[in-house]
Amino acid sequence: MSQNHIPASLAVFFQEYDSNQLDLRRDVDTIIERTLRFGNRDELGWLFAYYGQPRIVQWIRDLGQYRLPKRHLEFWQFLLDIEPAACVERHTVWPH
């Protein structure tokens, strides 16, 4: 795997993209989202090594409510000791 690309094993989770064209800076939000949702231990290790825990925690606080299923969000909040109140509150028309 190149330093400039996602791990090849993650490509299946980016089916609508050419994984070789994903930019680790430009597409950071999508890469974090998909890896937190679908990544295995090695892929998650790569994610945290590449972006760092502070960046991922900030992503969860800012976008997790909107981009992760509730059970995934709660898992990462628990695992990374993020207070749910620290996350942007989800505003929906239908609260279910």
PDB file of N, CA and C in Angstrom:
ATOM      1  N   MET A   1       0.838  -1.188   0.000  1.00  0.00           N
ATOM      2  CA  MET A   1       0.000   0.000   0.000  1.00  0.00           C
ATOM      3  C   MET A   1       0.875   1.241   0.000  1.00  0.00           C
ATOM      4  N   SER A   2       0.500   2.174  -0.803  1.00  0.00           N
ATOM      5  CA  SER A   2       1.217   3.440  -0.889  1.00  0.00           C
ATOM      6  C   SER A   2       0.832   4.340   0.280  1.00  0.00           C
ATOM      7  N   GLN A   3       1.725   5.227   0.654  1.00  0.00           N
ATOM      8  CA  GLN A   3       1.442   6.216   1.690  1.00  0.00           C
ATOM      9  C   GLN A   3       0.321   7.162   1.262  1.00  0.00           C
ATOM     10  N   ASN A   4       0.033   7.224  -0.034  1.00  0.00           N
ATOM     11  CA  ASN A   4      -0.952   8.175  -0.553  1.00  0.00           C
ATOM     12  C   ASN A   4      -2.304   7.555  -0.839  1.00  0.00           C
ATOM     13  N   HIS A   5      -2.496   6.294  -0.472  1.00  0.00           N
ATOM     14  CA  HIS A   5      -3.741   5.611  -0.787  1.00  0.00           C
ATOM     15  C   HIS A   5      -4.291   4.887   0.431  1.00  0.00           C
ATOM     16  N   ILE A   6      -5.582   4.629   0.395  1.00  0.00           N
ATOM     17  CA  ILE A   6      -6.189   3.822   1.438  1.00  0.00           C
ATOM     18  C   ILE A   6      -5.692   2.383   1.290  1.00  0.00           C
ATOM     19  N   PRO A   7      -5.770   1.580   2.348  1.00  0.00           N
ATOM     20  CA  PRO A   7      -5.415   0.170   2.200  1.00  0.00           C
ATOM     21  C   PRO A   7      -6.292  -0.498   1.136  1.00  0.00           C
ATOM     22  N   ALA A   8      -5.708  -1.370   0.354  1.00  0.00           N
ATOM     23  CA  ALA A   8      -6.441  -2.043  -0.718  1.00  0.00           C
ATOM     24  C   ALA A   8      -7.662  -2.780  -0.183  1.00  0.00           C
ATOM     25  N   SER A   9      -7.571  -3.294   1.032  1.00  0.00           N
ATOM     26  CA  SER A   9      -8.693  -4.037   1.603  1.00  0.00           C
ATOM     27  C   SER A   9      -9.908  -3.154   1.882  1.00  0.00           C
ATOM     28  N   LEU A  10      -9.734  -1.839   1.939  1.00  0.00           N
ATOM     29  CA  LEU A  10     -10.857  -0.917   2.151  1.00  0.00           C
ATOM     30  C   LEU A  10     -11.564  -0.546   0.851  1.00  0.00           C
ATOM     31  N   ALA A  11     -10.965  -0.818  -0.279  1.00  0.00           N
ATOM     32  CA  ALA A  11     -11.518  -0.377  -1.568  1.00  0.00           C
ATOM     33  C   ALA A  11     -12.948  -0.833  -1.779  1.00  0.00           C
ATOM     34  N   VAL A  12     -13.305  -1.998  -1.279  1.00  0.00           N
ATOM     35  CA  VAL A  12     -14.660  -2.526  -1.461  1.00  0.00           C
ATOM     36  C   VAL A  12     -15.715  -1.599  -0.840  1.00  0.00           C
ATOM     37  N   PHE A  13     -15.331  -0.808   0.134  1.00  0.00           N
ATOM     38  CA  PHE A  13     -16.267   0.100   0.797  1.00  0.00           C
ATOM     39  C   PHE A  13     -16.366   1.470   0.113  1.00  0.00           C
ATOM     40  N   PHE A  14     -15.671   1.602  -1.004  1.00  0.00           N
ATOM     41  CA  PHE A  14     -15.682   2.836  -1.794  1.00  0.00           C
ATOM     42  C   PHE A  14     -16.042   2.496  -3.237  1.00  0.00           C
ATOM     43  N   GLN A  15     -17.076   1.698  -3.412  1.00  0.00           N
ATOM     44  CA  GLN A  15     -17.412   1.173  -4.729  1.00  0.00           C
ATOM     45  C   GLN A  15     -17.748   2.252  -5.749  1.00  0.00           C
ATOM     46  N   GLU A  16     -18.257   3.373  -5.279  1.00  0.00           N
ATOM     47  CA  GLU A  16     -18.621   4.429  -6.221  1.00  0.00           C
ATOM     48  C   GLU A  16     -17.439   5.337  -6.566  1.00  0.00           C
ATOM     49  N   TYR A  17     -16.281   5.040  -6.019  1.00  0.00           N
ATOM     50  CA  TYR A  17     -15.071   5.808  -6.271  1.00  0.00           C
ATOM     51  C   TYR A  17     -14.013   4.917  -6.914  1.00  0.00           C
ATOM     52  N   ASP A  18     -13.093   5.535  -7.609  1.00  0.00           N
ATOM     53  CA  ASP A  18     -11.870   4.854  -8.007  1.00  0.00           C
ATOM     54  C   ASP A  18     -10.946   5.005  -6.807  1.00  0.00           C
ATOM     55  N   SER A  19     -10.688   3.918  -6.097  1.00  0.00           N
ATOM     56  CA  SER A  19      -9.925   4.017  -4.845  1.00  0.00           C
ATOM     57  C   SER A  19      -8.527   4.600  -5.054  1.00  0.00           C
ATOM     58  N   ASN A  20      -7.986   4.470  -6.264  1.00  0.00           N
ATOM     59  CA  ASN A  20      -6.677   5.067  -6.543  1.00  0.00           C
ATOM     60  C   ASN A  20      -6.759   6.586  -6.700  1.00  0.00           C
ATOM     61  N   GLN A  21      -7.971   7.102  -6.916  1.00  0.00           N
ATOM     62  CA  GLN A  21      -8.157   8.543  -7.064  1.00  0.00           C
ATOM     63  C   GLN A  21      -8.587   9.232  -5.765  1.00  0.00           C
ATOM     64  N   LEU A  22      -8.883   8.432  -4.725  1.00  0.00           N
ATOM     65  CA  LEU A  22      -9.225   9.045  -3.446  1.00  0.00           C
ATOM     66  C   LEU A  22      -8.015   9.806  -2.926  1.00  0.00           C
ATOM     67  N   ASP A  23      -8.256  10.998  -2.464  1.00  0.00           N
ATOM     68  CA  ASP A  23      -7.192  11.832  -1.906  1.00  0.00           C
ATOM     69  C   ASP A  23      -7.329  11.811  -0.385  1.00  0.00           C
ATOM     70  N   LEU A  24      -6.272  11.441   0.304  1.00  0.00           N
ATOM     71  CA  LEU A  24      -6.328  11.282   1.753  1.00  0.00           C
ATOM     72  C   LEU A  24      -6.615  12.589   2.488  1.00  0.00           C
ATOM     73  N   ARG A  25      -6.374  13.706   1.859  1.00  0.00           N
ATOM     74  CA  ARG A  25      -6.713  15.006   2.472  1.00  0.00           C
ATOM     75  C   ARG A  25      -8.093  15.471   2.026  1.00  0.00           C
ATOM     76  N   ARG A  26      -8.310  15.496   0.742  1.00  0.00           N
ATOM     77  CA  ARG A  26      -9.573  15.998   0.204  1.00  0.00           C
ATOM     78  C   ARG A  26     -10.764  15.137   0.642  1.00  0.00           C
ATOM     79  N   ASP A  27     -10.591  13.833   0.674  1.00  0.00           N
ATOM     80  CA  ASP A  27     -11.690  12.910   0.945  1.00  0.00           C
ATOM     81  C   ASP A  27     -11.670  12.379   2.375  1.00  0.00           C
ATOM     82  N   VAL A  28     -11.047  13.124   3.275  1.00  0.00           N
ATOM     83  CA  VAL A  28     -10.863  12.680   4.653  1.00  0.00           C
ATOM     84  C   VAL A  28     -12.188  12.308   5.317  1.00  0.00           C
ATOM     85  N   ASP A  29     -13.239  13.091   5.130  1.00  0.00           N
ATOM     86  CA  ASP A  29     -14.509  12.807   5.809  1.00  0.00           C
ATOM     87  C   ASP A  29     -15.085  11.464   5.375  1.00  0.00           C
ATOM     88  N   THR A  30     -15.056  11.198   4.098  1.00  0.00           N
ATOM     89  CA  THR A  30     -15.572   9.928   3.589  1.00  0.00           C
ATOM     90  C   THR A  30     -14.700   8.766   4.035  1.00  0.00           C
ATOM     91  N   ILE A  31     -13.402   8.951   4.020  1.00  0.00           N
ATOM     92  CA  ILE A  31     -12.482   7.884   4.421  1.00  0.00           C
ATOM     93  C   ILE A  31     -12.667   7.541   5.898  1.00  0.00           C
ATOM     94  N   ILE A  32     -12.772   8.552   6.744  1.00  0.00           N
ATOM     95  CA  ILE A  32     -12.990   8.289   8.174  1.00  0.00           C
ATOM     96  C   ILE A  32     -14.330   7.600   8.370  1.00  0.00           C
ATOM     97  N   GLU A  33     -15.364   8.112   7.739  1.00  0.00           N
ATOM     98  CA  GLU A  33     -16.694   7.521   7.895  1.00  0.00           C
ATOM     99  C   GLU A  33     -16.699   6.039   7.524  1.00  0.00           C
ATOM    100  N   ARG A  34     -16.252   5.733   6.340  1.00  0.00           N
ATOM    101  CA  ARG A  34     -16.318   4.350   5.854  1.00  0.00           C
ATOM    102  C   ARG A  34     -15.437   3.420   6.680  1.00  0.00           C
ATOM    103  N   THR A  35     -14.288   3.903   7.116  1.00  0.00           N
ATOM    104  CA  THR A  35     -13.394   3.041   7.889  1.00  0.00           C
ATOM    105  C   THR A  35     -13.946   2.810   9.284  1.00  0.00           C
ATOM    106  N   LEU A  36     -14.525   3.835   9.918  1.00  0.00           N
ATOM    107  CA  LEU A  36     -15.140   3.637  11.228  1.00  0.00           C
ATOM    108  C   LEU A  36     -16.325   2.686  11.144  1.00  0.00           C
ATOM    109  N   ARG A  37     -17.055   2.723  10.050  1.00  0.00           N
ATOM    110  CA  ARG A  37     -18.229   1.856   9.890  1.00  0.00           C
ATOM    111  C   ARG A  37     -17.868   0.429   9.525  1.00  0.00           C
ATOM    112  N   PHE A  38     -16.908   0.259   8.628  1.00  0.00           N
ATOM    113  CA  PHE A  38     -16.693  -1.058   8.033  1.00  0.00           C
ATOM    114  C   PHE A  38     -15.310  -1.647   8.266  1.00  0.00           C
ATOM    115  N   GLY A  39     -14.383  -0.862   8.760  1.00  0.00           N
ATOM    116  CA  GLY A  39     -12.999  -1.308   8.846  1.00  0.00           C
ATOM    117  C   GLY A  39     -12.757  -2.427   9.850  1.00  0.00           C
ATOM    118  N   ASN A  40     -11.808  -3.288   9.511  1.00  0.00           N
ATOM    119  CA  ASN A  40     -11.394  -4.327  10.453  1.00  0.00           C
ATOM    120  C   ASN A  40     -10.267  -3.765  11.328  1.00  0.00           C
ATOM    121  N   ARG A  41      -9.717  -4.584  12.182  1.00  0.00           N
ATOM    122  CA  ARG A  41      -8.698  -4.117  13.129  1.00  0.00           C
ATOM    123  C   ARG A  41      -7.501  -3.487  12.417  1.00  0.00           C
ATOM    124  N   ASP A  42      -7.014  -4.128  11.363  1.00  0.00           N
ATOM    125  CA  ASP A  42      -5.854  -3.587  10.647  1.00  0.00           C
ATOM    126  C   ASP A  42      -6.183  -2.265   9.957  1.00  0.00           C
ATOM    127  N   GLU A  43      -7.356  -2.191   9.346  1.00  0.00           N
ATOM    128  CA  GLU A  43      -7.761  -0.966   8.645  1.00  0.00           C
ATOM    129  C   GLU A  43      -7.985   0.179   9.629  1.00  0.00           C
ATOM    130  N   LEU A  44      -8.570  -0.141  10.780  1.00  0.00           N
ATOM    131  CA  LEU A  44      -8.747   0.886  11.812  1.00  0.00           C
ATOM    132  C   LEU A  44      -7.394   1.333  12.362  1.00  0.00           C
ATOM    133  N   GLY A  45      -6.476   0.388  12.499  1.00  0.00           N
ATOM    134  CA  GLY A  45      -5.119   0.754  12.932  1.00  0.00           C
ATOM    135  C   GLY A  45      -4.478   1.720  11.956  1.00  0.00           C
ATOM    136  N   TRP A  46      -4.658   1.463  10.654  1.00  0.00           N
ATOM    137  CA  TRP A  46      -4.128   2.374   9.632  1.00  0.00           C
ATOM    138  C   TRP A  46      -4.776   3.747   9.781  1.00  0.00           C
ATOM    139  N   LEU A  47      -6.111   3.779   9.940  1.00  0.00           N
ATOM    140  CA  LEU A  47      -6.834   5.048  10.044  1.00  0.00           C
ATOM    141  C   LEU A  47      -6.298   5.897  11.192  1.00  0.00           C
ATOM    142  N   PHE A  48      -6.159   5.279  12.365  1.00  0.00           N
ATOM    143  CA  PHE A  48      -5.687   6.026  13.530  1.00  0.00           C
ATOM    144  C   PHE A  48      -4.216   6.407  13.398  1.00  0.00           C
ATOM    145  N   ALA A  49      -3.427   5.556  12.772  1.00  0.00           N
ATOM    146  CA  ALA A  49      -2.010   5.887  12.567  1.00  0.00           C
ATOM    147  C   ALA A  49      -1.860   7.031  11.571  1.00  0.00           C
ATOM    148  N   TYR A  50      -2.682   7.042  10.534  1.00  0.00           N
ATOM    149  CA  TYR A  50      -2.541   8.067   9.490  1.00  0.00           C
ATOM    150  C   TYR A  50      -3.101   9.413   9.946  1.00  0.00           C
ATOM    151  N   TYR A  51      -4.331   9.423  10.471  1.00  0.00           N
ATOM    152  CA  TYR A  51      -4.985  10.689  10.815  1.00  0.00           C
ATOM    153  C   TYR A  51      -4.784  11.096  12.276  1.00  0.00           C
ATOM    154  N   GLY A  52      -4.538  10.144  13.142  1.00  0.00           N
ATOM    155  CA  GLY A  52      -4.365  10.433  14.560  1.00  0.00           C
ATOM    156  C   GLY A  52      -5.692  10.488  15.297  1.00  0.00           C
ATOM    157  N   GLN A  53      -5.658  10.067  16.544  1.00  0.00           N
ATOM    158  CA  GLN A  53      -6.886  10.037  17.333  1.00  0.00           C
ATOM    159  C   GLN A  53      -7.528  11.408  17.499  1.00  0.00           C
ATOM    160  N   PRO A  54      -6.775  12.491  17.743  1.00  0.00           N
ATOM    161  CA  PRO A  54      -7.440  13.796  17.894  1.00  0.00           C
ATOM    162  C   PRO A  54      -8.278  14.176  16.665  1.00  0.00           C
ATOM    163  N   ARG A  55      -7.776  13.910  15.469  1.00  0.00           N
ATOM    164  CA  ARG A  55      -8.520  14.246  14.239  1.00  0.00           C
ATOM    165  C   ARG A  55      -9.779  13.399  14.126  1.00  0.00           C
ATOM    166  N   ILE A  56      -9.687  12.142  14.487  1.00  0.00           N
ATOM    167  CA  ILE A  56     -10.842  11.251  14.398  1.00  0.00           C
ATOM    168  C   ILE A  56     -11.878  11.620  15.454  1.00  0.00           C
ATOM    169  N   VAL A  57     -11.436  11.933  16.649  1.00  0.00           N
ATOM    170  CA  VAL A  57     -12.355  12.381  17.698  1.00  0.00           C
ATOM    171  C   VAL A  57     -13.076  13.647  17.254  1.00  0.00           C
ATOM    172  N   GLN A  58     -12.349  14.576  16.661  1.00  0.00           N
ATOM    173  CA  GLN A  58     -12.983  15.808  16.177  1.00  0.00           C
ATOM    174  C   GLN A  58     -14.009  15.497  15.090  1.00  0.00           C
ATOM    175  N   TRP A  59     -13.688  14.568  14.201  1.00  0.00           N
ATOM    176  CA  TRP A  59     -14.631  14.175  13.154  1.00  0.00           C
ATOM    177  C   TRP A  59     -15.902  13.606  13.778  1.00  0.00           C
ATOM    178  N   ILE A  60     -15.756  12.754  14.783  1.00  0.00           N
ATOM    179  CA  ILE A  60     -16.924  12.164  15.448  1.00  0.00           C
ATOM    180  C   ILE A  60     -17.760  13.258  16.095  1.00  0.00           C
ATOM    181  N   ARG A  61     -17.117  14.218  16.729  1.00  0.00           N
ATOM    182  CA  ARG A  61     -17.854  15.327  17.363  1.00  0.00           C
ATOM    183  C   ARG A  61     -18.594  16.176  16.339  1.00  0.00           C
ATOM    184  N   ASP A  62     -17.946  16.442  15.214  1.00  0.00           N
ATOM    185  CA  ASP A  62     -18.524  17.342  14.218  1.00  0.00           C
ATOM    186  C   ASP A  62     -19.502  16.657  13.262  1.00  0.00           C
ATOM    187  N   LEU A  63     -19.168  15.462  12.820  1.00  0.00           N
ATOM    188  CA  LEU A  63     -19.942  14.824  11.760  1.00  0.00           C
ATOM    189  C   LEU A  63     -20.536  13.469  12.120  1.00  0.00           C
ATOM    190  N   GLY A  64     -20.107  12.892  13.214  1.00  0.00           N
ATOM    191  CA  GLY A  64     -20.560  11.551  13.572  1.00  0.00           C
ATOM    192  C   GLY A  64     -22.061  11.411  13.649  1.00  0.00           C
ATOM    193  N   GLN A  65     -22.725  12.416  14.201  1.00  0.00           N
ATOM    194  CA  GLN A  65     -24.189  12.378  14.315  1.00  0.00           C
ATOM    195  C   GLN A  65     -24.870  12.275  12.957  1.00  0.00           C
ATOM    196  N   TYR A  66     -24.243  12.832  11.960  1.00  0.00           N
ATOM    197  CA  TYR A  66     -24.844  12.881  10.626  1.00  0.00           C
ATOM    198  C   TYR A  66     -24.394  11.741   9.722  1.00  0.00           C
ATOM    199  N   ARG A  67     -23.210  11.200   9.979  1.00  0.00           N
ATOM    200  CA  ARG A  67     -22.620  10.274   9.020  1.00  0.00           C
ATOM    201  C   ARG A  67     -22.505   8.833   9.501  1.00  0.00           C
ATOM    202  N   LEU A  68     -22.714   8.597  10.796  1.00  0.00           N
ATOM    203  CA  LEU A  68     -22.624   7.235  11.316  1.00  0.00           C
ATOM    204  C   LEU A  68     -23.983   6.763  11.819  1.00  0.00           C
ATOM    205  N   PRO A  69     -24.288   5.487  11.628  1.00  0.00           N
ATOM    206  CA  PRO A  69     -25.494   4.941  12.264  1.00  0.00           C
ATOM    207  C   PRO A  69     -25.367   5.087  13.784  1.00  0.00           C
ATOM    208  N   LYS A  70     -26.490   5.211  14.441  1.00  0.00           N
ATOM    209  CA  LYS A  70     -26.494   5.475  15.883  1.00  0.00           C
ATOM    210  C   LYS A  70     -25.654   4.463  16.660  1.00  0.00           C
ATOM    211  N   ARG A  71     -25.764   3.187  16.347  1.00  0.00           N
ATOM    212  CA  ARG A  71     -25.011   2.185  17.116  1.00  0.00           C
ATOM    213  C   ARG A  71     -23.503   2.324  16.906  1.00  0.00           C
ATOM    214  N   HIS A  72     -23.090   2.708  15.697  1.00  0.00           N
ATOM    215  CA  HIS A  72     -21.666   2.932  15.448  1.00  0.00           C
ATOM    216  C   HIS A  72     -21.194   4.176  16.202  1.00  0.00           C
ATOM    217  N   LEU A  73     -21.990   5.217  16.142  1.00  0.00           N
ATOM    218  CA  LEU A  73     -21.641   6.455  16.841  1.00  0.00           C
ATOM    219  C   LEU A  73     -21.474   6.194  18.337  1.00  0.00           C
ATOM    220  N   GLU A  74     -22.434   5.504  18.928  1.00  0.00           N
ATOM    221  CA  GLU A  74     -22.364   5.236  20.358  1.00  0.00           C
ATOM    222  C   GLU A  74     -21.178   4.346  20.708  1.00  0.00           C
ATOM    223  N   PHE A  75     -20.853   3.399  19.849  1.00  0.00           N
ATOM    224  CA  PHE A  75     -19.682   2.551  20.073  1.00  0.00           C
ATOM    225  C   PHE A  75     -18.419   3.402  20.122  1.00  0.00           C
ATOM    226  N   TRP A  76     -18.222   4.272  19.124  1.00  0.00           N
ATOM    227  CA  TRP A  76     -17.005   5.085  19.078  1.00  0.00           C
ATOM    228  C   TRP A  76     -16.972   6.122  20.187  1.00  0.00           C
ATOM    229  N   GLN A  77     -18.131   6.669  20.550  1.00  0.00           N
ATOM    230  CA  GLN A  77     -18.161   7.599  21.679  1.00  0.00           C
ATOM    231  C   GLN A  77     -17.710   6.897  22.955  1.00  0.00           C
ATOM    232  N   PHE A  78     -18.202   5.681  23.154  1.00  0.00           N
ATOM    233  CA  PHE A  78     -17.813   4.913  24.342  1.00  0.00           C
ATOM    234  C   PHE A  78     -16.325   4.570  24.306  1.00  0.00           C
ATOM    235  N   LEU A  79     -15.889   4.025  23.192  1.00  0.00           N
ATOM    236  CA  LEU A  79     -14.512   3.561  23.070  1.00  0.00           C
ATOM    237  C   LEU A  79     -13.497   4.699  23.217  1.00  0.00           C
ATOM    238  N   LEU A  80     -13.824   5.860  22.667  1.00  0.00           N
ATOM    239  CA  LEU A  80     -12.901   6.995  22.700  1.00  0.00           C
ATOM    240  C   LEU A  80     -13.209   7.986  23.818  1.00  0.00           C
ATOM    241  N   ASP A  81     -14.160   7.607  24.690  1.00  0.00           N
ATOM    242  CA  ASP A  81     -14.521   8.432  25.848  1.00  0.00           C
ATOM    243  C   ASP A  81     -14.935   9.835  25.427  1.00  0.00           C
ATOM    244  N   ILE A  82     -15.852   9.895  24.466  1.00  0.00           N
ATOM    245  CA  ILE A  82     -16.391  11.166  23.986  1.00  0.00           C
ATOM    246  C   ILE A  82     -17.779  11.339  24.594  1.00  0.00           C
ATOM    247  N   GLU A  83     -17.962  12.400  25.314  1.00  0.00           N
ATOM    248  CA  GLU A  83     -19.287  12.681  25.873  1.00  0.00           C
ATOM    249  C   GLU A  83     -20.265  12.960  24.734  1.00  0.00           C
ATOM    250  N   PRO A  84     -21.416  12.299  24.729  1.00  0.00           N
ATOM    251  CA  PRO A  84     -22.400  12.573  23.668  1.00  0.00           C
ATOM    252  C   PRO A  84     -22.748  14.054  23.565  1.00  0.00           C
ATOM    253  N   ALA A  85     -22.746  14.759  24.689  1.00  0.00           N
ATOM    254  CA  ALA A  85     -23.054  16.194  24.667  1.00  0.00           C
ATOM    255  C   ALA A  85     -21.999  16.980  23.905  1.00  0.00           C
ATOM    256  N   ALA A  86     -20.794  16.422  23.754  1.00  0.00           N
ATOM    257  CA  ALA A  86     -19.724  17.115  23.035  1.00  0.00           C
ATOM    258  C   ALA A  86     -19.921  17.033  21.530  1.00  0.00           C
ATOM    259  N   CYS A  87     -20.837  16.181  21.096  1.00  0.00           N
ATOM    260  CA  CYS A  87     -21.088  16.017  19.665  1.00  0.00           C
ATOM    261  C   CYS A  87     -22.182  16.972  19.225  1.00  0.00           C
ATOM    262  N   VAL A  88     -22.111  17.356  17.967  1.00  0.00           N
ATOM    263  CA  VAL A  88     -23.147  18.204  17.400  1.00  0.00           C
ATOM    264  C   VAL A  88     -24.462  17.454  17.498  1.00  0.00           C
ATOM    265  N   GLU A  89     -25.475  18.102  18.046  1.00  0.00           N
ATOM    266  CA  GLU A  89     -26.762  17.451  18.221  1.00  0.00           C
ATOM    267  C   GLU A  89     -27.445  17.227  16.879  1.00  0.00           C
ATOM    268  N   ARG A  90     -27.974  16.039  16.704  1.00  0.00           N
ATOM    269  CA  ARG A  90     -28.667  15.697  15.464  1.00  0.00           C
ATOM    270  C   ARG A  90     -30.053  16.334  15.485  1.00  0.00           C
ATOM    271  N   HIS A  91     -30.367  17.068  14.451  1.00  0.00           N
ATOM    272  CA  HIS A  91     -31.684  17.678  14.320  1.00  0.00           C
ATOM    273  C   HIS A  91     -32.425  16.977  13.187  1.00  0.00           C
ATOM    274  N   THR A  92     -33.503  16.346  13.539  1.00  0.00           N
ATOM    275  CA  THR A  92     -34.274  15.655  12.525  1.00  0.00           C
ATOM    276  C   THR A  92     -35.738  16.061  12.655  1.00  0.00           C
ATOM    277  N   VAL A  93     -36.459  15.918  11.578  1.00  0.00           N
ATOM    278  CA  VAL A  93     -37.876  16.213  11.586  1.00  0.00           C
ATOM    279  C   VAL A  93     -38.614  15.101  12.300  1.00  0.00           C
ATOM    280  N   TRP A  94     -38.195  13.877  12.030  1.00  0.00           N
ATOM    281  CA  TRP A  94     -38.827  12.720  12.632  1.00  0.00           C
ATOM    282  C   TRP A  94     -37.836  12.105  13.599  1.00  0.00           C
ATOM    283  N   PRO A  95     -38.104  12.096  14.903  1.00  0.00           N
ATOM    284  CA  PRO A  95     -37.113  11.701  15.890  1.00  0.00           C
ATOM    285  C   PRO A  95     -36.889  10.193  16.051  1.00  0.00           C
ATOM    286  N   HIS A  96     -37.122   9.419  15.032  1.00  0.00           N
ATOM    287  CA  HIS A  96     -36.961   7.960  15.154  1.00  0.00           C
ATOM    288  C   HIS A  96     -35.921   7.441  14.223  1.00  0.00           C
TER     289      HIS A  96
END
